[in-house]
């Protein structure tokens, strides 16, 4: 691979970084900047925050978040498969069938364990 292949990408990244830095500098120089205690306070639906910002969350919250990300990312694999479905033939259909069966088994396990139940 030649370096010439990556030069447009490097140029684009460099240009985007330079433009972002310039915009930040210009907005800081010419924009209004009047920080106050109220502006720097945490914002929570327009109300004064209740309790400390570093509250402990239930492990169930993280479990549901991870499960959502897991299934969301796995569903993304359906799009490329759908695009080349006709080219893959019966092999592609069987492979995706196995994939769906594995997802279904995982979902049934989560339902049995109670990972998706809110208290």
PDB file of N, CA and C in Angstrom:
ATOM      1  N   UNK A   1       0.838  -1.189   0.000  1.00  0.00           N
ATOM      2  CA  UNK A   1       0.000   0.000   0.000  1.00  0.00           C
ATOM      3  C   UNK A   1       0.880   1.248   0.000  1.00  0.00           C
ATOM      4  N   UNK A   2       0.528   2.132  -0.832  1.00  0.00           N
ATOM      5  CA  UNK A   2       1.281   3.367  -0.928  1.00  0.00           C
ATOM      6  C   UNK A   2       0.695   4.408   0.015  1.00  0.00           C
ATOM      7  N   UNK A   3       1.544   5.319   0.390  1.00  0.00           N
ATOM      8  CA  UNK A   3       1.109   6.402   1.267  1.00  0.00           C
ATOM      9  C   UNK A   3       0.136   7.312   0.539  1.00  0.00           C
ATOM     10  N   UNK A   4       0.205   7.316  -0.787  1.00  0.00           N
ATOM     11  CA  UNK A   4      -0.675   8.166  -1.580  1.00  0.00           C
ATOM     12  C   UNK A   4      -2.148   7.824  -1.372  1.00  0.00           C
ATOM     13  N   UNK A   5      -2.438   6.567  -1.039  1.00  0.00           N
ATOM     14  CA  UNK A   5      -3.827   6.166  -0.840  1.00  0.00           C
ATOM     15  C   UNK A   5      -4.439   6.820   0.392  1.00  0.00           C
ATOM     16  N   UNK A   6      -3.623   7.072   1.394  1.00  0.00           N
ATOM     17  CA  UNK A   6      -4.132   7.616   2.647  1.00  0.00           C
ATOM     18  C   UNK A   6      -3.979   9.127   2.768  1.00  0.00           C
ATOM     19  N   UNK A   7      -3.349   9.755   1.811  1.00  0.00           N
ATOM     20  CA  UNK A   7      -3.144  11.198   1.897  1.00  0.00           C
ATOM     21  C   UNK A   7      -4.459  11.999   1.868  1.00  0.00           C
ATOM     22  N   UNK A   8      -5.486  11.612   1.095  1.00  0.00           N
ATOM     23  CA  UNK A   8      -6.739  12.374   1.172  1.00  0.00           C
ATOM     24  C   UNK A   8      -7.395  12.275   2.553  1.00  0.00           C
ATOM     25  N   UNK A   9      -7.310  11.111   3.184  1.00  0.00           N
ATOM     26  CA  UNK A   9      -7.890  10.949   4.523  1.00  0.00           C
ATOM     27  C   UNK A   9      -7.118  11.792   5.526  1.00  0.00           C
ATOM     28  N   UNK A  10      -5.802  11.762   5.442  1.00  0.00           N
ATOM     29  CA  UNK A  10      -4.979  12.559   6.352  1.00  0.00           C
ATOM     30  C   UNK A  10      -5.246  14.043   6.149  1.00  0.00           C
ATOM     31  N   UNK A  11      -5.392  14.452   4.900  1.00  0.00           N
ATOM     32  CA  UNK A  11      -5.695  15.855   4.609  1.00  0.00           C
ATOM     33  C   UNK A  11      -7.048  16.250   5.190  1.00  0.00           C
ATOM     34  N   UNK A  12      -8.044  15.399   5.020  1.00  0.00           N
ATOM     35  CA  UNK A  12      -9.376  15.680   5.551  1.00  0.00           C
ATOM     36  C   UNK A  12      -9.360  15.786   7.076  1.00  0.00           C
ATOM     37  N   UNK A  13      -8.693  14.850   7.738  1.00  0.00           N
ATOM     38  CA  UNK A  13      -8.612  14.894   9.206  1.00  0.00           C
ATOM     39  C   UNK A  13      -7.874  16.144   9.688  1.00  0.00           C
ATOM     40  N   UNK A  14      -6.797  16.481   9.016  1.00  0.00           N
ATOM     41  CA  UNK A  14      -6.041  17.677   9.386  1.00  0.00           C
ATOM     42  C   UNK A  14      -6.889  18.927   9.179  1.00  0.00           C
ATOM     43  N   UNK A  15      -7.559  19.026   8.051  1.00  0.00           N
ATOM     44  CA  UNK A  15      -8.395  20.185   7.761  1.00  0.00           C
ATOM     45  C   UNK A  15      -9.547  20.306   8.762  1.00  0.00           C
ATOM     46  N   UNK A  16     -10.192  19.178   9.093  1.00  0.00           N
ATOM     47  CA  UNK A  16     -11.293  19.200  10.052  1.00  0.00           C
ATOM     48  C   UNK A  16     -10.809  19.636  11.431  1.00  0.00           C
ATOM     49  N   UNK A  17      -9.652  19.157  11.844  1.00  0.00           N
ATOM     50  CA  UNK A  17      -9.097  19.545  13.142  1.00  0.00           C
ATOM     51  C   UNK A  17      -8.756  21.024  13.173  1.00  0.00           C
ATOM     52  N   UNK A  18      -8.135  21.518  12.128  1.00  0.00           N
ATOM     53  CA  UNK A  18      -7.761  22.935  12.069  1.00  0.00           C
ATOM     54  C   UNK A  18      -9.007  23.819  12.076  1.00  0.00           C
ATOM     55  N   UNK A  19     -10.019  23.459  11.307  1.00  0.00           N
ATOM     56  CA  UNK A  19     -11.252  24.252  11.269  1.00  0.00           C
ATOM     57  C   UNK A  19     -11.937  24.251  12.639  1.00  0.00           C
ATOM     58  N   UNK A  20     -11.977  23.101  13.299  1.00  0.00           N
ATOM     59  CA  UNK A  20     -12.598  23.031  14.625  1.00  0.00           C
ATOM     60  C   UNK A  20     -11.857  23.911  15.620  1.00  0.00           C
ATOM     61  N   UNK A  21     -10.540  23.876  15.596  1.00  0.00           N
ATOM     62  CA  UNK A  21      -9.753  24.714  16.514  1.00  0.00           C
ATOM     63  C   UNK A  21      -9.964  26.189  16.216  1.00  0.00           C
ATOM     64  N   UNK A  22      -9.993  26.548  14.943  1.00  0.00           N
ATOM     65  CA  UNK A  22     -10.210  27.955  14.567  1.00  0.00           C
ATOM     66  C   UNK A  22     -11.586  28.433  15.030  1.00  0.00           C
ATOM     67  N   UNK A  23     -12.613  27.596  14.846  1.00  0.00           N
ATOM     68  CA  UNK A  23     -13.963  27.984  15.267  1.00  0.00           C
ATOM     69  C   UNK A  23     -14.007  28.176  16.785  1.00  0.00           C
ATOM     70  N   UNK A  24     -13.368  27.307  17.534  1.00  0.00           N
ATOM     71  CA  UNK A  24     -13.341  27.449  18.991  1.00  0.00           C
ATOM     72  C   UNK A  24     -12.626  28.725  19.425  1.00  0.00           C
ATOM     73  N   UNK A  25     -11.518  29.035  18.776  1.00  0.00           N
ATOM     74  CA  UNK A  25     -10.765  30.247  19.126  1.00  0.00           C
ATOM     75  C   UNK A  25     -11.568  31.496  18.781  1.00  0.00           C
ATOM     76  N   UNK A  26     -12.181  31.523  17.609  1.00  0.00           N
ATOM     77  CA  UNK A  26     -12.972  32.694  17.207  1.00  0.00           C
ATOM     78  C   UNK A  26     -14.165  32.891  18.131  1.00  0.00           C
ATOM     79  N   UNK A  27     -14.845  31.810  18.482  1.00  0.00           N
ATOM     80  CA  UNK A  27     -16.002  31.963  19.369  1.00  0.00           C
ATOM     81  C   UNK A  27     -15.566  32.430  20.751  1.00  0.00           C
ATOM     82  N   UNK A  28     -14.392  32.027  21.206  1.00  0.00           N
ATOM     83  CA  UNK A  28     -13.903  32.465  22.516  1.00  0.00           C
ATOM     84  C   UNK A  28     -13.496  33.939  22.482  1.00  0.00           C
ATOM     85  N   UNK A  29     -12.904  34.366  21.360  1.00  0.00           N
ATOM     86  CA  UNK A  29     -12.444  35.747  21.262  1.00  0.00           C
ATOM     87  C   UNK A  29     -13.595  36.736  21.065  1.00  0.00           C
ATOM     88  N   UNK A  30     -14.549  36.403  20.207  1.00  0.00           N
ATOM     89  CA  UNK A  30     -15.585  37.357  19.830  1.00  0.00           C
ATOM     90  C   UNK A  30     -16.941  37.100  20.466  1.00  0.00           C
ATOM     91  N   UNK A  31     -17.140  35.935  21.044  1.00  0.00           N
ATOM     92  CA  UNK A  31     -18.425  35.607  21.653  1.00  0.00           C
ATOM     93  C   UNK A  31     -18.513  36.116  23.086  1.00  0.00           C
ATOM     94  N   UNK A  32     -19.743  36.270  23.591  1.00  0.00           N
ATOM     95  CA  UNK A  32     -19.891  36.704  24.975  1.00  0.00           C
ATOM     96  C   UNK A  32     -19.466  35.585  25.921  1.00  0.00           C
ATOM     97  N   UNK A  33     -18.671  35.953  26.908  1.00  0.00           N
ATOM     98  CA  UNK A  33     -18.222  34.983  27.895  1.00  0.00           C
ATOM     99  C   UNK A  33     -18.329  35.626  29.269  1.00  0.00           C
ATOM    100  N   UNK A  34     -19.429  35.373  29.919  1.00  0.00           N
ATOM    101  CA  UNK A  34     -19.668  35.919  31.260  1.00  0.00           C
ATOM    102  C   UNK A  34     -20.074  34.781  32.196  1.00  0.00           C
ATOM    103  N   UNK A  35     -19.112  34.014  32.681  1.00  0.00           N
ATOM    104  CA  UNK A  35     -19.477  32.894  33.550  1.00  0.00           C
ATOM    105  C   UNK A  35     -19.974  33.385  34.907  1.00  0.00           C
ATOM    106  N   UNK A  36     -21.002  32.764  35.393  1.00  0.00           N
ATOM    107  CA  UNK A  36     -21.508  33.048  36.733  1.00  0.00           C
ATOM    108  C   UNK A  36     -21.645  31.708  37.462  1.00  0.00           C
ATOM    109  N   UNK A  37     -21.891  31.796  38.745  1.00  0.00           N
ATOM    110  CA  UNK A  37     -22.043  30.571  39.520  1.00  0.00           C
ATOM    111  C   UNK A  37     -23.246  29.775  39.040  1.00  0.00           C
ATOM    112  N   UNK A  38     -24.301  30.476  38.681  1.00  0.00           N
ATOM    113  CA  UNK A  38     -25.506  29.785  38.216  1.00  0.00           C
ATOM    114  C   UNK A  38     -25.298  29.115  36.859  1.00  0.00           C
ATOM    115  N   UNK A  39     -24.555  29.764  35.970  1.00  0.00           N
ATOM    116  CA  UNK A  39     -24.289  29.170  34.658  1.00  0.00           C
ATOM    117  C   UNK A  39     -23.369  27.957  34.762  1.00  0.00           C
ATOM    118  N   UNK A  40     -22.464  27.956  35.708  1.00  0.00           N
ATOM    119  CA  UNK A  40     -21.528  26.855  35.861  1.00  0.00           C
ATOM    120  C   UNK A  40     -22.080  25.706  36.697  1.00  0.00           C
ATOM    121  N   UNK A  41     -23.259  25.887  37.275  1.00  0.00           N
ATOM    122  CA  UNK A  41     -23.865  24.830  38.090  1.00  0.00           C
ATOM    123  C   UNK A  41     -24.409  23.726  37.190  1.00  0.00           C
ATOM    124  N   UNK A  42     -24.475  22.500  37.698  1.00  0.00           N
ATOM    125  CA  UNK A  42     -25.055  21.413  36.897  1.00  0.00           C
ATOM    126  C   UNK A  42     -26.516  21.703  36.567  1.00  0.00           C
ATOM    127  N   UNK A  43     -26.940  21.299  35.389  1.00  0.00           N
ATOM    128  CA  UNK A  43     -28.300  21.550  34.935  1.00  0.00           C
ATOM    129  C   UNK A  43     -29.104  20.268  35.005  1.00  0.00           C
ATOM    130  N   UNK A  44     -30.237  20.319  35.671  1.00  0.00           N
ATOM    131  CA  UNK A  44     -31.087  19.142  35.787  1.00  0.00           C
ATOM    132  C   UNK A  44     -32.535  19.575  35.586  1.00  0.00           C
ATOM    133  N   UNK A  45     -32.967  19.615  34.352  1.00  0.00           N
ATOM    134  CA  UNK A  45     -34.346  19.947  33.989  1.00  0.00           C
ATOM    135  C   UNK A  45     -34.780  21.311  34.516  1.00  0.00           C
ATOM    136  N   UNK A  46     -33.875  22.242  34.579  1.00  0.00           N
ATOM    137  CA  UNK A  46     -34.226  23.589  35.013  1.00  0.00           C
ATOM    138  C   UNK A  46     -34.431  23.725  36.505  1.00  0.00           C
ATOM    139  N   UNK A  47     -34.165  22.686  37.255  1.00  0.00           N
ATOM    140  CA  UNK A  47     -34.351  22.724  38.704  1.00  0.00           C
ATOM    141  C   UNK A  47     -32.993  22.602  39.388  1.00  0.00           C
ATOM    142  N   UNK A  48     -32.961  22.974  40.616  1.00  0.00           N
ATOM    143  CA  UNK A  48     -31.747  22.833  41.392  1.00  0.00           C
ATOM    144  C   UNK A  48     -31.479  21.337  41.589  1.00  0.00           C
ATOM    145  N   UNK A  49     -30.251  20.873  41.360  1.00  0.00           N
ATOM    146  CA  UNK A  49     -29.964  19.445  41.482  1.00  0.00           C
ATOM    147  C   UNK A  49     -30.252  18.924  42.887  1.00  0.00           C
ATOM    148  N   UNK A  50     -30.766  17.699  42.931  1.00  0.00           N
ATOM    149  CA  UNK A  50     -31.089  17.064  44.204  1.00  0.00           C
ATOM    150  C   UNK A  50     -30.034  16.003  44.487  1.00  0.00           C
ATOM    151  N   UNK A  51     -29.371  16.108  45.588  1.00  0.00           N
ATOM    152  CA  UNK A  51     -28.381  15.110  45.976  1.00  0.00           C
ATOM    153  C   UNK A  51     -27.070  15.292  45.247  1.00  0.00           C
ATOM    154  N   UNK A  52     -26.104  14.450  45.583  1.00  0.00           N
ATOM    155  CA  UNK A  52     -24.787  14.559  44.947  1.00  0.00           C
ATOM    156  C   UNK A  52     -24.822  14.064  43.508  1.00  0.00           C
ATOM    157  N   UNK A  53     -23.865  14.515  42.724  1.00  0.00           N
ATOM    158  CA  UNK A  53     -23.814  14.147  41.311  1.00  0.00           C
ATOM    159  C   UNK A  53     -23.301  12.717  41.114  1.00  0.00           C
ATOM    160  N   UNK A  54     -22.601  12.195  42.097  1.00  0.00           N
ATOM    161  CA  UNK A  54     -22.026  10.861  41.938  1.00  0.00           C
ATOM    162  C   UNK A  54     -22.815   9.822  42.726  1.00  0.00           C
ATOM    163  N   UNK A  55     -24.123   9.779  42.484  1.00  0.00           N
ATOM    164  CA  UNK A  55     -24.974   8.781  43.126  1.00  0.00           C
ATOM    165  C   UNK A  55     -24.683   7.403  42.568  1.00  0.00           C
ATOM    166  N   UNK A  56     -24.952   6.390  43.379  1.00  0.00           N
ATOM    167  CA  UNK A  56     -24.778   5.016  42.919  1.00  0.00           C
ATOM    168  C   UNK A  56     -26.032   4.578  42.180  1.00  0.00           C
ATOM    169  N   UNK A  57     -25.809   3.900  41.079  1.00  0.00           N
ATOM    170  CA  UNK A  57     -26.910   3.357  40.305  1.00  0.00           C
ATOM    171  C   UNK A  57     -26.964   1.848  40.508  1.00  0.00           C
ATOM    172  N   UNK A  58     -28.124   1.319  40.326  1.00  0.00           N
ATOM    173  CA  UNK A  58     -28.308  -0.115  40.446  1.00  0.00           C
ATOM    174  C   UNK A  58     -27.549  -0.830  39.331  1.00  0.00           C
ATOM    175  N   UNK A  59     -27.063  -2.019  39.640  1.00  0.00           N
ATOM    176  CA  UNK A  59     -26.372  -2.814  38.638  1.00  0.00           C
ATOM    177  C   UNK A  59     -27.332  -3.167  37.507  1.00  0.00           C
ATOM    178  N   UNK A  60     -28.607  -3.251  37.807  1.00  0.00           N
ATOM    179  CA  UNK A  60     -29.609  -3.583  36.802  1.00  0.00           C
ATOM    180  C   UNK A  60     -29.629  -2.537  35.682  1.00  0.00           C
ATOM    181  N   UNK A  61     -29.398  -1.268  36.028  1.00  0.00           N
ATOM    182  CA  UNK A  61     -29.355  -0.216  35.011  1.00  0.00           C
ATOM    183  C   UNK A  61     -28.248  -0.511  34.006  1.00  0.00           C
ATOM    184  N   UNK A  62     -27.069  -0.841  34.499  1.00  0.00           N
ATOM    185  CA  UNK A  62     -25.952  -1.132  33.612  1.00  0.00           C
ATOM    186  C   UNK A  62     -26.204  -2.407  32.819  1.00  0.00           C
ATOM    187  N   UNK A  63     -26.822  -3.383  33.431  1.00  0.00           N
ATOM    188  CA  UNK A  63     -27.122  -4.637  32.745  1.00  0.00           C
ATOM    189  C   UNK A  63     -28.064  -4.400  31.571  1.00  0.00           C
ATOM    190  N   UNK A  64     -29.106  -3.612  31.786  1.00  0.00           N
ATOM    191  CA  UNK A  64     -30.049  -3.314  30.707  1.00  0.00           C
ATOM    192  C   UNK A  64     -29.355  -2.494  29.613  1.00  0.00           C
ATOM    193  N   UNK A  65     -28.496  -1.568  30.009  1.00  0.00           N
ATOM    194  CA  UNK A  65     -27.779  -0.759  29.021  1.00  0.00           C
ATOM    195  C   UNK A  65     -26.859  -1.629  28.164  1.00  0.00           C
ATOM    196  N   UNK A  66     -26.137  -2.537  28.790  1.00  0.00           N
ATOM    197  CA  UNK A  66     -25.233  -3.414  28.052  1.00  0.00           C
ATOM    198  C   UNK A  66     -26.023  -4.349  27.138  1.00  0.00           C
ATOM    199  N   UNK A  67     -27.153  -4.861  27.638  1.00  0.00           N
ATOM    200  CA  UNK A  67     -27.975  -5.744  26.813  1.00  0.00           C
ATOM    201  C   UNK A  67     -28.531  -4.993  25.608  1.00  0.00           C
ATOM    202  N   UNK A  68     -28.939  -3.745  25.821  1.00  0.00           N
ATOM    203  CA  UNK A  68     -29.440  -2.943  24.702  1.00  0.00           C
ATOM    204  C   UNK A  68     -28.351  -2.750  23.653  1.00  0.00           C
ATOM    205  N   UNK A  69     -27.162  -2.401  24.090  1.00  0.00           N
ATOM    206  CA  UNK A  69     -26.062  -2.190  23.152  1.00  0.00           C
ATOM    207  C   UNK A  69     -25.733  -3.489  22.427  1.00  0.00           C
ATOM    208  N   UNK A  70     -25.718  -4.589  23.166  1.00  0.00           N
ATOM    209  CA  UNK A  70     -25.412  -5.881  22.570  1.00  0.00           C
ATOM    210  C   UNK A  70     -26.402  -6.232  21.462  1.00  0.00           C
ATOM    211  N   UNK A  71     -27.695  -6.148  21.757  1.00  0.00           N
ATOM    212  CA  UNK A  71     -28.692  -6.504  20.749  1.00  0.00           C
ATOM    213  C   UNK A  71     -28.768  -5.464  19.639  1.00  0.00           C
ATOM    214  N   UNK A  72     -28.531  -4.215  19.958  1.00  0.00           N
ATOM    215  CA  UNK A  72     -28.560  -3.171  18.952  1.00  0.00           C
ATOM    216  C   UNK A  72     -27.435  -3.385  17.935  1.00  0.00           C
ATOM    217  N   UNK A  73     -26.252  -3.704  18.420  1.00  0.00           N
ATOM    218  CA  UNK A  73     -25.124  -3.924  17.526  1.00  0.00           C
ATOM    219  C   UNK A  73     -25.333  -5.195  16.702  1.00  0.00           C
ATOM    220  N   UNK A  74     -25.901  -6.226  17.318  1.00  0.00           N
ATOM    221  CA  UNK A  74     -26.121  -7.456  16.573  1.00  0.00           C
ATOM    222  C   UNK A  74     -27.159  -7.268  15.468  1.00  0.00           C
ATOM    223  N   UNK A  75     -28.130  -6.419  15.691  1.00  0.00           N
ATOM    224  CA  UNK A  75     -29.135  -6.168  14.669  1.00  0.00           C
ATOM    225  C   UNK A  75     -28.521  -5.439  13.473  1.00  0.00           C
ATOM    226  N   UNK A  76     -27.442  -4.700  13.697  1.00  0.00           N
ATOM    227  CA  UNK A  76     -26.768  -3.996  12.610  1.00  0.00           C
ATOM    228  C   UNK A  76     -26.233  -4.982  11.569  1.00  0.00           C
ATOM    229  N   UNK A  77     -25.960  -6.211  11.984  1.00  0.00           N
ATOM    230  CA  UNK A  77     -25.457  -7.204  11.039  1.00  0.00           C
ATOM    231  C   UNK A  77     -26.514  -7.631  10.023  1.00  0.00           C
ATOM    232  N   UNK A  78     -27.765  -7.324  10.278  1.00  0.00           N
ATOM    233  CA  UNK A  78     -28.813  -7.699   9.331  1.00  0.00           C
ATOM    234  C   UNK A  78     -28.760  -6.870   8.048  1.00  0.00           C
ATOM    235  N   UNK A  79     -28.338  -5.634   8.111  1.00  0.00           N
ATOM    236  CA  UNK A  79     -28.328  -4.773   6.917  1.00  0.00           C
ATOM    237  C   UNK A  79     -27.374  -5.285   5.846  1.00  0.00           C
ATOM    238  N   UNK A  80     -26.097  -5.542   6.163  1.00  0.00           N
ATOM    239  CA  UNK A  80     -25.223  -6.057   5.102  1.00  0.00           C
ATOM    240  C   UNK A  80     -25.708  -7.401   4.557  1.00  0.00           C
ATOM    241  N   UNK A  81     -26.258  -8.221   5.442  1.00  0.00           N
ATOM    242  CA  UNK A  81     -26.779  -9.514   5.002  1.00  0.00           C
ATOM    243  C   UNK A  81     -27.939  -9.309   4.030  1.00  0.00           C
ATOM    244  N   UNK A  82     -28.819  -8.361   4.328  1.00  0.00           N
ATOM    245  CA  UNK A  82     -29.961  -8.111   3.454  1.00  0.00           C
ATOM    246  C   UNK A  82     -29.521  -7.571   2.096  1.00  0.00           C
ATOM    247  N   UNK A  83     -28.441  -6.810   2.087  1.00  0.00           N
ATOM    248  CA  UNK A  83     -27.963  -6.235   0.830  1.00  0.00           C
ATOM    249  C   UNK A  83     -27.436  -7.324  -0.110  1.00  0.00           C
ATOM    250  N   UNK A  84     -26.738  -8.316   0.428  1.00  0.00           N
ATOM    251  CA  UNK A  84     -26.140  -9.359  -0.411  1.00  0.00           C
ATOM    252  C   UNK A  84     -26.879 -10.690  -0.282  1.00  0.00           C
ATOM    253  N   UNK A  85     -28.111 -10.645   0.147  1.00  0.00           N
ATOM    254  CA  UNK A  85     -28.879 -11.858   0.412  1.00  0.00           C
ATOM    255  C   UNK A  85     -28.946 -12.780  -0.798  1.00  0.00           C
ATOM    256  N   UNK A  86     -29.242 -12.235  -1.964  1.00  0.00           N
ATOM    257  CA  UNK A  86     -29.410 -13.066  -3.165  1.00  0.00           C
ATOM    258  C   UNK A  86     -28.097 -13.686  -3.622  1.00  0.00           C
ATOM    259  N   UNK A  87     -26.984 -12.992  -3.363  1.00  0.00           N
ATOM    260  CA  UNK A  87     -25.684 -13.528  -3.773  1.00  0.00           C
ATOM    261  C   UNK A  87     -25.223 -14.663  -2.863  1.00  0.00           C
ATOM    262  N   UNK A  88     -25.660 -14.675  -1.629  1.00  0.00           N
ATOM    263  CA  UNK A  88     -25.209 -15.685  -0.679  1.00  0.00           C
ATOM    264  C   UNK A  88     -25.908 -17.026  -0.868  1.00  0.00           C
ATOM    265  N   UNK A  89     -27.113 -17.000  -1.346  1.00  0.00           N
ATOM    266  CA  UNK A  89     -27.851 -18.239  -1.580  1.00  0.00           C
ATOM    267  C   UNK A  89     -28.283 -18.913  -0.291  1.00  0.00           C
ATOM    268  N   UNK A  90     -28.392 -20.224  -0.342  1.00  0.00           N
ATOM    269  CA  UNK A  90     -28.898 -20.984   0.793  1.00  0.00           C
ATOM    270  C   UNK A  90     -27.912 -20.947   1.959  1.00  0.00           C
ATOM    271  N   UNK A  91     -26.608 -20.870   1.663  1.00  0.00           N
ATOM    272  CA  UNK A  91     -25.611 -20.791   2.734  1.00  0.00           C
ATOM    273  C   UNK A  91     -25.823 -19.538   3.592  1.00  0.00           C
ATOM    274  N   UNK A  92     -26.060 -18.415   2.952  1.00  0.00           N
ATOM    275  CA  UNK A  92     -26.305 -17.167   3.686  1.00  0.00           C
ATOM    276  C   UNK A  92     -27.569 -17.243   4.513  1.00  0.00           C
ATOM    277  N   UNK A  93     -28.599 -17.896   3.981  1.00  0.00           N
ATOM    278  CA  UNK A  93     -29.851 -18.040   4.715  1.00  0.00           C
ATOM    279  C   UNK A  93     -29.659 -18.906   5.961  1.00  0.00           C
ATOM    280  N   UNK A  94     -28.932 -20.010   5.814  1.00  0.00           N
ATOM    281  CA  UNK A  94     -28.685 -20.896   6.958  1.00  0.00           C
ATOM    282  C   UNK A  94     -27.813 -20.196   7.998  1.00  0.00           C
ATOM    283  N   UNK A  95     -26.801 -19.485   7.552  1.00  0.00           N
ATOM    284  CA  UNK A  95     -25.926 -18.771   8.478  1.00  0.00           C
ATOM    285  C   UNK A  95     -26.701 -17.735   9.274  1.00  0.00           C
ATOM    286  N   UNK A  96     -27.552 -16.961   8.617  1.00  0.00           N
ATOM    287  CA  UNK A  96     -28.335 -15.951   9.332  1.00  0.00           C
ATOM    288  C   UNK A  96     -29.369 -16.623  10.223  1.00  0.00           C
ATOM    289  N   UNK A  97     -29.886 -17.763   9.805  1.00  0.00           N
ATOM    290  CA  UNK A  97     -30.809 -18.505  10.659  1.00  0.00           C
ATOM    291  C   UNK A  97     -30.146 -18.928  11.957  1.00  0.00           C
ATOM    292  N   UNK A  98     -28.911 -19.438  11.861  1.00  0.00           N
ATOM    293  CA  UNK A  98     -28.161 -19.807  13.073  1.00  0.00           C
ATOM    294  C   UNK A  98     -27.934 -18.571  13.942  1.00  0.00           C
ATOM    295  N   UNK A  99     -27.604 -17.461  13.319  1.00  0.00           N
ATOM    296  CA  UNK A  99     -27.386 -16.210  14.050  1.00  0.00           C
ATOM    297  C   UNK A  99     -28.648 -15.793  14.799  1.00  0.00           C
ATOM    298  N   UNK A 100     -29.785 -15.863  14.150  1.00  0.00           N
ATOM    299  CA  UNK A 100     -31.056 -15.489  14.779  1.00  0.00           C
ATOM    300  C   UNK A 100     -31.404 -16.459  15.903  1.00  0.00           C
ATOM    301  N   UNK A 101     -31.131 -17.738  15.710  1.00  0.00           N
ATOM    302  CA  UNK A 101     -31.402 -18.717  16.768  1.00  0.00           C
ATOM    303  C   UNK A 101     -30.541 -18.415  17.999  1.00  0.00           C
ATOM    304  N   UNK A 102     -29.283 -18.089  17.796  1.00  0.00           N
ATOM    305  CA  UNK A 102     -28.407 -17.746  18.926  1.00  0.00           C
ATOM    306  C   UNK A 102     -28.920 -16.498  19.641  1.00  0.00           C
ATOM    307  N   UNK A 103     -29.344 -15.489  18.882  1.00  0.00           N
ATOM    308  CA  UNK A 103     -29.918 -14.286  19.500  1.00  0.00           C
ATOM    309  C   UNK A 103     -31.175 -14.618  20.290  1.00  0.00           C
ATOM    310  N   UNK A 104     -32.004 -15.465  19.744  1.00  0.00           N
ATOM    311  CA  UNK A 104     -33.253 -15.833  20.412  1.00  0.00           C
ATOM    312  C   UNK A 104     -32.972 -16.602  21.705  1.00  0.00           C
ATOM    313  N   UNK A 105     -32.004 -17.503  21.672  1.00  0.00           N
ATOM    314  CA  UNK A 105     -31.642 -18.239  22.888  1.00  0.00           C
ATOM    315  C   UNK A 105     -31.133 -17.275  23.954  1.00  0.00           C
ATOM    316  N   UNK A 106     -30.318 -16.312  23.550  1.00  0.00           N
ATOM    317  CA  UNK A 106     -29.829 -15.309  24.501  1.00  0.00           C
ATOM    318  C   UNK A 106     -30.959 -14.486  25.089  1.00  0.00           C
ATOM    319  N   UNK A 107     -31.911 -14.097  24.265  1.00  0.00           N
ATOM    320  CA  UNK A 107     -33.039 -13.308  24.751  1.00  0.00           C
ATOM    321  C   UNK A 107     -33.921 -14.122  25.695  1.00  0.00           C
ATOM    322  N   UNK A 108     -34.155 -15.387  25.369  1.00  0.00           N
ATOM    323  CA  UNK A 108     -34.957 -16.242  26.251  1.00  0.00           C
ATOM    324  C   UNK A 108     -34.249 -16.419  27.593  1.00  0.00           C
ATOM    325  N   UNK A 109     -32.931 -16.583  27.564  1.00  0.00           N
ATOM    326  CA  UNK A 109     -32.172 -16.707  28.811  1.00  0.00           C
ATOM    327  C   UNK A 109     -32.315 -15.445  29.660  1.00  0.00           C
ATOM    328  N   UNK A 110     -32.212 -14.292  29.029  1.00  0.00           N
ATOM    329  CA  UNK A 110     -32.345 -13.030  29.761  1.00  0.00           C
ATOM    330  C   UNK A 110     -33.736 -12.883  30.360  1.00  0.00           C
ATOM    331  N   UNK A 111     -34.746 -13.294  29.632  1.00  0.00           N
ATOM    332  CA  UNK A 111     -36.106 -13.223  30.164  1.00  0.00           C
ATOM    333  C   UNK A 111     -36.294 -14.171  31.340  1.00  0.00           C
ATOM    334  N   UNK A 112     -35.715 -15.372  31.267  1.00  0.00           N
ATOM    335  CA  UNK A 112     -35.838 -16.333  32.363  1.00  0.00           C
ATOM    336  C   UNK A 112     -35.105 -15.845  33.611  1.00  0.00           C
ATOM    337  N   UNK A 113     -33.943 -15.251  33.427  1.00  0.00           N
ATOM    338  CA  UNK A 113     -33.154 -14.760  34.563  1.00  0.00           C
ATOM    339  C   UNK A 113     -33.807 -13.514  35.150  1.00  0.00           C
ATOM    340  N   UNK A 114     -34.584 -12.799  34.373  1.00  0.00           N
ATOM    341  CA  UNK A 114     -35.247 -11.591  34.850  1.00  0.00           C
ATOM    342  C   UNK A 114     -34.425 -10.339  34.646  1.00  0.00           C
ATOM    343  N   UNK A 115     -33.517 -10.374  33.665  1.00  0.00           N
ATOM    344  CA  UNK A 115     -32.632  -9.226  33.439  1.00  0.00           C
ATOM    345  C   UNK A 115     -33.382  -8.007  32.908  1.00  0.00           C
ATOM    346  N   UNK A 116     -34.530  -8.217  32.295  1.00  0.00           N
ATOM    347  CA  UNK A 116     -35.254  -7.093  31.698  1.00  0.00           C
ATOM    348  C   UNK A 116     -36.433  -6.621  32.547  1.00  0.00           C
ATOM    349  N   UNK A 117     -36.548  -7.092  33.754  1.00  0.00           N
ATOM    350  CA  UNK A 117     -37.655  -6.677  34.623  1.00  0.00           C
ATOM    351  C   UNK A 117     -37.252  -5.481  35.468  1.00  0.00           C
ATOM    352  N   UNK A 118     -38.126  -4.481  35.499  1.00  0.00           N
ATOM    353  CA  UNK A 118     -37.890  -3.296  36.312  1.00  0.00           C
ATOM    354  C   UNK A 118     -38.614  -3.452  37.641  1.00  0.00           C
ATOM    355  N   UNK A 119     -37.992  -2.949  38.679  1.00  0.00           N
ATOM    356  CA  UNK A 119     -38.614  -3.006  39.997  1.00  0.00           C
ATOM    357  C   UNK A 119     -39.097  -1.646  40.426  1.00  0.00           C
TER     358      UNK A 119
END
